[in-house]
Protein backbone atom coordinates (compact mmCIF):
# COMPACT_ATOMS: atom_id res chain seq x y z
CA MET A 1 5.47 24.35 -2.47
CA ALA A 2 5.01 23.50 1.16
CA PRO A 3 6.00 20.20 1.99
CA TYR A 4 4.24 17.40 2.66
CA MET A 5 3.49 13.49 2.93
CA ARG A 6 0.57 11.78 2.40
CA LEU A 7 -0.18 7.65 2.51
CA ARG A 8 -1.23 7.84 -1.35
CA GLN A 9 -1.44 4.19 -1.86
CA ILE A 10 -0.69 0.73 -0.98
CA CYS A 11 -0.16 -2.36 -3.50
CA LEU A 12 -0.59 -6.18 -2.47
CA VAL A 13 0.81 -9.13 -4.53
CA ALA A 14 -0.68 -12.16 -5.67
CA PRO A 15 -0.03 -15.26 -7.51
CA GLN A 16 -3.16 -14.65 -9.58
CA LEU A 17 -5.63 -11.60 -9.46
CA ALA A 18 -9.03 -13.80 -8.80
CA PRO A 19 -10.04 -14.19 -6.61
CA VAL A 20 -8.11 -11.69 -4.68
CA ILE A 21 -10.19 -8.59 -6.48
CA SER A 22 -13.69 -9.64 -5.75
CA ASP A 23 -13.29 -11.64 -2.57
CA ILE A 24 -12.19 -7.72 -1.55
CA ALA A 25 -14.37 -6.05 -3.43
CA GLU A 26 -17.53 -7.67 -2.32
CA ILE A 27 -16.21 -8.54 1.23
CA MET A 28 -15.37 -4.18 1.98
CA GLY A 29 -17.70 -3.18 -0.03
CA LEU A 30 -15.21 -1.40 -2.83
CA ALA A 31 -15.31 -0.89 -6.02
CA VAL A 32 -12.46 -1.85 -9.02
CA CYS A 33 -11.88 1.96 -10.54
CA TYR A 34 -8.58 1.02 -13.01
CA ARG A 35 -6.22 -1.51 -14.29
CA ASP A 36 -3.27 0.15 -15.35
CA GLY A 37 -1.79 -1.17 -18.73
CA ASN A 38 1.20 0.61 -18.21
CA VAL A 39 2.49 -2.23 -15.43
CA ALA A 40 2.67 -5.01 -17.90
CA LYS A 41 6.11 -3.22 -19.34
CA TYR A 42 7.02 -5.55 -15.36
CA GLY A 43 5.17 -8.45 -16.56
CA LEU A 44 2.71 -7.52 -14.24
CA GLU A 45 -1.44 -7.09 -14.25
CA ASN A 46 -3.39 -5.08 -11.42
CA ALA A 47 -6.38 -3.48 -10.18
CA LEU A 48 -7.18 -0.96 -7.89
CA LEU A 49 -9.54 0.49 -5.36
CA PRO A 50 -10.32 3.45 -3.72
CA VAL A 51 -10.46 3.75 -0.27
CA ASP A 52 -11.61 6.79 0.28
CA THR A 53 -8.67 8.79 -0.90
CA VAL A 54 -6.31 6.29 -0.61
CA LEU A 55 -5.68 3.69 -3.61
CA LEU A 56 -5.77 -0.19 -2.78
CA GLU A 57 -3.88 -1.98 -5.18
CA VAL A 58 -3.06 -5.72 -6.19
CA VAL A 59 -0.53 -6.68 -8.69
CA ALA A 60 0.44 -10.33 -9.89
CA PRO A 61 2.82 -11.82 -12.44
CA PHE A 62 1.31 -12.91 -15.49
CA LYS A 63 5.21 -14.49 -16.67
CA GLY A 64 8.40 -15.88 -14.66
CA GLY A 65 11.05 -13.42 -13.90
CA THR A 66 8.99 -10.61 -12.36
CA THR A 67 10.30 -8.88 -9.22
CA ALA A 68 6.58 -9.20 -8.11
CA GLY A 69 6.85 -13.24 -8.68
CA ARG A 70 10.73 -13.29 -6.68
CA PHE A 71 8.86 -11.45 -3.64
CA ILE A 72 5.65 -13.93 -3.69
CA GLU A 73 8.35 -16.77 -4.08
CA LYS A 74 10.81 -15.43 -1.05
CA THR A 75 7.94 -14.62 1.46
CA GLY A 76 5.96 -17.24 0.65
CA GLY A 77 2.88 -14.87 -0.32
CA ARG A 78 2.85 -13.36 2.65
CA GLY A 79 3.01 -9.45 3.53
CA GLY A 80 2.30 -6.47 1.68
CA TYR A 81 4.48 -5.33 -1.13
CA MET A 82 4.63 -1.36 -1.73
CA ALA A 83 3.47 1.40 0.41
CA ILE A 84 3.24 4.40 -1.83
CA PHE A 85 3.34 8.31 -0.55
CA CYS A 86 2.24 11.35 -1.82
CA CYS A 87 4.48 14.48 -1.41
CA ASN A 88 5.86 17.87 -3.55
CA ASP A 89 9.44 16.66 -4.22
CA PRO A 90 9.88 13.17 -4.96
CA ASP A 91 13.37 13.32 -6.73
CA GLU A 92 14.59 15.18 -3.14
CA ARG A 93 13.14 12.60 -1.43
CA GLY A 94 14.68 9.84 -3.57
CA ARG A 95 18.06 12.07 -2.69
CA ASN A 96 18.00 12.06 0.53
CA ALA A 97 17.09 8.16 1.05
CA GLY A 98 20.26 7.93 -1.41
CA ALA A 99 22.04 9.88 1.33
CA MET A 100 21.16 6.69 4.33
CA GLY A 101 22.47 4.25 1.41
CA VAL A 102 18.33 3.07 0.30
CA ARG A 103 19.36 3.00 -3.51
CA THR A 104 16.48 4.02 -5.67
CA ALA A 105 14.94 1.58 -7.83
CA ASN A 106 13.11 2.53 -10.51
CA VAL A 107 12.21 6.05 -11.31
CA ILE A 108 8.79 6.21 -13.29
CA ASP A 109 7.73 9.37 -15.37
CA HIS A 110 3.99 9.70 -17.03
CA ALA A 111 3.53 13.41 -17.05
CA PRO A 112 1.70 14.89 -15.45
CA TYR A 113 2.83 11.91 -12.89
CA HIS A 114 6.25 11.71 -11.65
CA GLY A 115 7.53 8.38 -8.99
CA VAL A 116 10.46 7.24 -7.27
CA GLN A 117 10.68 4.10 -6.04
CA LEU A 118 13.61 2.94 -3.44
CA HIS A 119 14.86 -0.87 -3.58
CA PRO A 120 12.85 -3.16 -0.95
CA ARG A 121 15.96 -4.91 0.77
CA ASP A 122 17.27 -1.30 1.47
CA CYS A 123 14.06 -0.12 2.62
CA ARG A 124 13.39 -3.50 4.78
CA ALA A 125 9.71 -4.88 4.61
CA ALA A 126 8.15 -3.42 1.74
CA PHE A 127 9.30 -1.18 -1.37
CA ILE A 128 8.40 2.38 -0.81
CA GLU A 129 7.97 4.99 -3.52
CA PHE A 130 7.10 8.72 -3.22
CA ASN A 131 5.46 10.33 -6.33
CA HIS A 132 3.87 13.46 -7.29
CA THR A 133 1.42 14.61 -9.42
CA GLN A 134 2.64 17.79 -11.67
CA GLY A 135 -0.54 20.78 -11.04
CA SER A 136 -2.91 19.01 -8.58
CA ASP A 137 -2.01 18.85 -4.51
CA ASP A 138 -5.69 18.16 -3.91
CA ILE A 139 -6.04 14.96 -2.61
CA LEU A 140 -9.22 14.11 -4.50
CA GLY A 141 -7.95 15.61 -7.55
CA PRO A 142 -5.96 13.20 -10.45
CA TYR A 143 -4.17 10.43 -10.21
CA PRO A 144 -3.25 8.88 -13.69
CA PRO A 145 -1.87 5.51 -12.25
CA ALA A 146 -5.67 5.34 -10.67
CA GLY A 147 -7.05 5.78 -14.22
CA PRO A 148 -9.06 9.35 -15.47
CA ASP A 149 -11.96 9.18 -13.06
CA TRP A 150 -11.31 7.38 -10.06
CA GLN A 151 -13.00 9.87 -7.81
CA LYS A 152 -16.31 7.81 -9.43
CA PHE A 153 -15.96 4.52 -7.56
CA ILE A 154 -15.35 5.77 -4.02
CA ARG A 155 -17.69 3.96 -1.81
CA LYS A 156 -18.35 4.56 2.03
CA ASP A 157 -21.40 2.41 2.47
CA VAL A 158 -19.31 -0.33 4.18
CA THR A 159 -15.61 0.52 4.51
CA GLN A 160 -15.01 4.15 5.43
CA ALA A 161 -10.62 4.83 5.44
CA LEU A 162 -8.12 2.83 5.50
CA THR A 163 -6.48 4.53 8.68
CA GLY A 164 -3.22 2.12 9.60
CA VAL A 165 -0.41 0.07 8.33
CA GLU A 166 0.76 -2.66 10.36
CA MET A 167 4.67 -3.17 9.53
CA GLN A 168 6.18 -6.35 11.77
CA SER A 169 9.90 -6.80 12.48
CA PRO A 170 12.01 -8.42 15.21
CA ASP A 171 13.69 -4.86 15.73
CA PRO A 172 9.91 -3.03 15.10
CA GLU A 173 12.00 0.54 16.93
CA GLY A 174 14.96 -0.13 14.53
CA LEU A 175 12.14 -0.51 11.34
CA ALA A 176 10.48 2.12 12.86
CA GLU A 177 13.11 4.79 13.09
CA HIS A 178 14.54 3.37 9.60
CA TRP A 179 11.11 4.16 8.04
CA GLY A 180 11.02 7.58 9.33
CA LYS A 181 14.63 8.63 7.99
CA ILE A 182 12.92 7.86 5.22
CA ILE A 183 10.14 9.35 5.03
CA GLY A 184 10.57 12.30 6.64
CA VAL A 185 8.34 11.38 9.64
CA VAL A 186 9.59 11.26 13.27
CA PRO A 187 8.41 8.17 15.12
CA ASP A 188 6.49 8.14 18.11
CA GLY A 189 7.68 6.42 21.61
CA ASN A 190 5.36 3.20 20.28
CA ALA A 191 7.05 3.03 17.18
CA GLU A 192 4.10 4.90 15.32
CA LEU A 193 4.68 7.30 12.07
CA LYS A 194 1.92 8.69 12.38
CA LEU A 195 0.83 11.00 8.54
CA PRO A 196 -2.32 13.26 7.98
CA ASN A 197 -4.34 10.36 6.55
CA ALA A 198 -2.95 7.30 8.48
CA THR A 199 -0.47 5.61 10.99
CA PHE A 200 1.98 3.32 10.31
CA ARG A 201 2.76 0.86 13.09
CA PHE A 202 5.54 -1.09 13.70
CA VAL A 203 4.99 -4.22 16.24
CA GLU A 204 7.45 -7.60 16.78
CA GLY A 205 7.46 -10.39 14.75
CA ALA A 206 9.90 -12.96 13.11
CA SER A 207 10.28 -11.31 9.61
CA GLU A 208 10.30 -7.74 7.92
CA ILE A 209 6.62 -7.60 6.40
CA MET A 210 3.84 -5.73 5.88
CA SER A 211 1.80 -7.95 7.86
CA ALA A 212 -1.90 -5.97 8.00
CA LEU A 213 -3.88 -3.28 7.26
CA GLU A 214 -6.54 -1.50 9.53
CA PHE A 215 -10.09 -0.08 8.36
CA ARG A 216 -12.74 1.91 10.33
CA VAL A 217 -16.02 0.33 8.57
CA VAL A 218 -19.72 1.68 9.22
CA ASP A 219 -20.71 -1.94 10.56
CA ALA A 220 -17.27 -4.70 11.90
CA ALA A 221 -19.64 -7.95 12.16
CA ARG A 222 -20.78 -7.36 8.81
CA VAL A 223 -17.73 -6.92 7.06
CA LEU A 224 -16.96 -10.34 9.25
CA HIS A 225 -19.56 -12.30 8.31
CA ALA A 226 -18.73 -11.45 4.58
CA ALA A 227 -14.94 -12.97 4.67
CA ARG A 228 -16.62 -16.35 6.49
CA ALA A 229 -18.93 -16.16 3.60
CA LYS A 230 -15.63 -15.88 1.30
CA GLY A 231 -14.40 -19.11 3.16
CA LEU A 232 -12.18 -17.04 4.76
CA ALA A 233 -10.59 -17.72 8.03
CA VAL A 234 -11.67 -14.82 10.92
CA ALA A 235 -10.15 -14.55 13.76
CA GLY A 236 -11.31 -11.83 16.07
CA ASN A 237 -12.25 -8.59 14.25
CA GLU A 238 -9.62 -9.95 11.23
CA PHE A 239 -8.80 -11.82 8.23
CA LEU A 240 -6.40 -13.09 6.24
CA LEU A 241 -6.88 -11.59 2.29
CA GLY A 242 -3.97 -10.90 0.09
CA GLY A 243 -1.06 -12.08 2.26
CA VAL A 244 -2.13 -9.22 4.72
CA THR A 245 -4.18 -9.15 7.79
CA PHE A 246 -7.43 -6.84 7.59
CA ARG A 247 -8.00 -6.10 10.54
CA VAL A 248 -11.53 -3.80 11.26
CA SER A 249 -13.33 -1.32 13.68
C-alpha cells in the first residue's frame, strides 16, 4: 500500500456537549452523524459532525478523573483536544514517533479500525492519533468512529470544508518541526504543514494549544450572523466556540 497521510478528524473537548454541539450544527449548517458508545469506557460522551470528509468531534467528560477533564482544568477549556490522521500504517507511525521519544498513550483495535494515540505531553499542544480502516482507503469509505452511514450526513449548503488548523506556541517554528517529524511532513518556510486536504499553521502565542479551525463557507456573513444570534462574540471573521476560534472565509 502506498504511504499516505490525511487529516481525518479534529476533536474538541467541552465540559458538556450541550450547547456546544447544537451551536456548531446550527451556526455551521452541519449535522450530527454519530454518538460513539465506545468512548464511555474513558468516562466520555461524544458527538461527531462531518465537514465534507473531515469529522469534527466534541467530547465531554461525564465523571471525574478523565484525561479530557484534566485537559479542561489545565487549559481552562482553551484549545483543541486531538488531531487525528488516517494513514497506511498507524503502527509504523507510532514506532517512528517512539524513536523520537514520543510515547504511545493508547492503542484502539476495533476491527476493521486500528488507531494509535500518542501522548499529548510528548506531542505538545494536543493529542495526535494515527488510524487506518482495513479494506477502505477511500476517503468516503467506511470510518467506524463516525458510525455506519456518516456519509449521508454531509451538508455543504453552509460549510464546504475544514481547510486549516492553527497551532499556537511561543516557538512556532520548533513546534512545526516537531509535529512535522511525527506526521512525516516537512514544514515549509512559513511554519506550515501541508496535507492533501488541510494545512496546519503554527503561529506565535503564549502557550502551546490548537488555537483555531479554518473553514471555507458559502456565505461568511451568514455564518457570522448565526454566531451572533447564539450570543457568541464575533470579531472580524471569527468567533470562539468549543474552546477554539472558528475562522470562516
